[in-house]
Amino acid sequence: VYVECVIKTISFRENADNKAKVILYIDNKKKKEITTAAFIIKDLSPGPHRLKLMIIPENKAKKQMTKEWKVEIPIKQT
């Protein structure tokens, strides 16, 4: 699953004043911290999954953001 985060008030560049990181949850389990705007989620098993991104700004004065959605990974046809 390809994910690209486009948020006007957030940057994922190393020296930005408005830098943030992404916490990825898959099926309500924390999987990893990501520091890039675009990434690929690999190795999801066939079937339904719930994905959740938490955007955590380094500047504690900024508000956290959350986005959740469902994906269906098809069974591979051979």
Protein backbone atom coordinates (compact mmCIF):
# COMPACT_ATOMS: atom_id res chain seq x y z
CA VAL A 1 0.00 0.00 0.00
CA TYR A 2 1.51 3.31 -1.10
CA VAL A 3 0.92 6.22 1.32
CA GLU A 4 1.77 9.86 0.68
CA CYS A 5 1.17 12.50 3.36
CA VAL A 6 0.46 15.98 2.03
CA ILE A 7 -0.22 18.40 4.88
CA LYS A 8 0.16 22.14 4.34
CA THR A 9 1.31 22.90 7.89
CA ILE A 10 3.72 19.96 8.30
CA SER A 11 7.11 19.08 6.82
CA PHE A 12 9.09 15.86 6.97
CA ARG A 13 12.39 17.54 6.01
CA GLU A 14 15.21 17.17 8.51
CA ASN A 15 15.78 20.83 9.42
CA ALA A 16 12.24 22.19 9.07
CA ASP A 17 10.66 24.26 11.84
CA ASN A 18 7.35 22.41 11.38
CA LYS A 19 8.86 18.88 11.27
CA ALA A 20 6.75 15.86 12.22
CA LYS A 21 6.86 12.07 12.26
CA VAL A 22 4.22 9.48 11.42
CA ILE A 23 3.25 6.60 13.67
CA LEU A 24 1.79 3.72 11.62
CA TYR A 25 -0.76 1.36 13.16
CA ILE A 26 -2.01 -1.74 11.36
CA ASP A 27 -5.07 -3.46 12.81
CA ASN A 28 -4.75 -1.37 16.01
CA LYS A 29 -1.11 -2.41 16.58
CA LYS A 30 1.75 0.09 16.43
CA LYS A 31 4.10 -1.01 13.64
CA LYS A 32 6.68 1.73 13.07
CA GLU A 33 7.66 5.37 13.20
CA ILE A 34 8.19 7.00 9.82
CA THR A 35 9.97 10.27 9.07
CA THR A 36 9.18 10.61 5.36
CA ALA A 37 6.11 12.00 3.60
CA ALA A 38 5.75 8.96 1.31
CA PHE A 39 6.22 5.30 2.11
CA ILE A 40 5.05 1.80 1.16
CA ILE A 41 3.42 -0.64 3.56
CA LYS A 42 4.59 -4.10 2.52
CA ASP A 43 3.76 -7.67 3.49
CA LEU A 44 0.11 -7.20 4.42
CA SER A 45 -1.66 -10.54 4.46
CA PRO A 46 -4.71 -11.05 2.21
CA GLY A 47 -7.96 -9.79 3.70
CA PRO A 48 -9.21 -6.62 5.37
CA HIS A 49 -6.94 -4.33 7.39
CA ARG A 50 -7.43 -1.09 9.28
CA LEU A 51 -4.63 1.43 8.78
CA LYS A 52 -4.09 4.41 11.05
CA LEU A 53 -1.58 7.24 10.80
CA MET A 54 -0.83 9.54 13.70
CA ILE A 55 1.04 12.69 12.70
CA ILE A 56 3.14 13.84 15.66
CA PRO A 57 4.67 17.33 15.31
CA GLU A 58 8.03 17.90 17.01
CA ASN A 59 6.71 21.28 18.12
CA LYS A 60 4.50 20.27 21.05
CA ALA A 61 2.40 23.43 20.56
CA LYS A 62 1.07 22.00 17.27
CA LYS A 63 -1.87 19.63 17.25
CA GLN A 64 -1.55 15.91 16.50
CA MET A 65 -3.56 14.58 13.55
CA THR A 66 -5.00 11.15 12.88
CA LYS A 67 -6.24 9.47 9.70
CA GLU A 68 -7.78 5.99 9.57
CA TRP A 69 -9.04 3.89 6.69
CA LYS A 70 -9.68 0.30 5.66
CA VAL A 71 -7.93 -1.61 2.89
CA GLU A 72 -8.69 -5.01 1.36
CA ILE A 73 -5.67 -6.99 0.19
CA PRO A 74 -6.70 -9.50 -2.49
CA ILE A 75 -5.56 -13.09 -2.57
CA LYS A 76 -2.81 -13.58 -5.17
CA GLN A 77 -3.95 -15.45 -8.24
CA THR A 78 -1.38 -17.89 -9.60
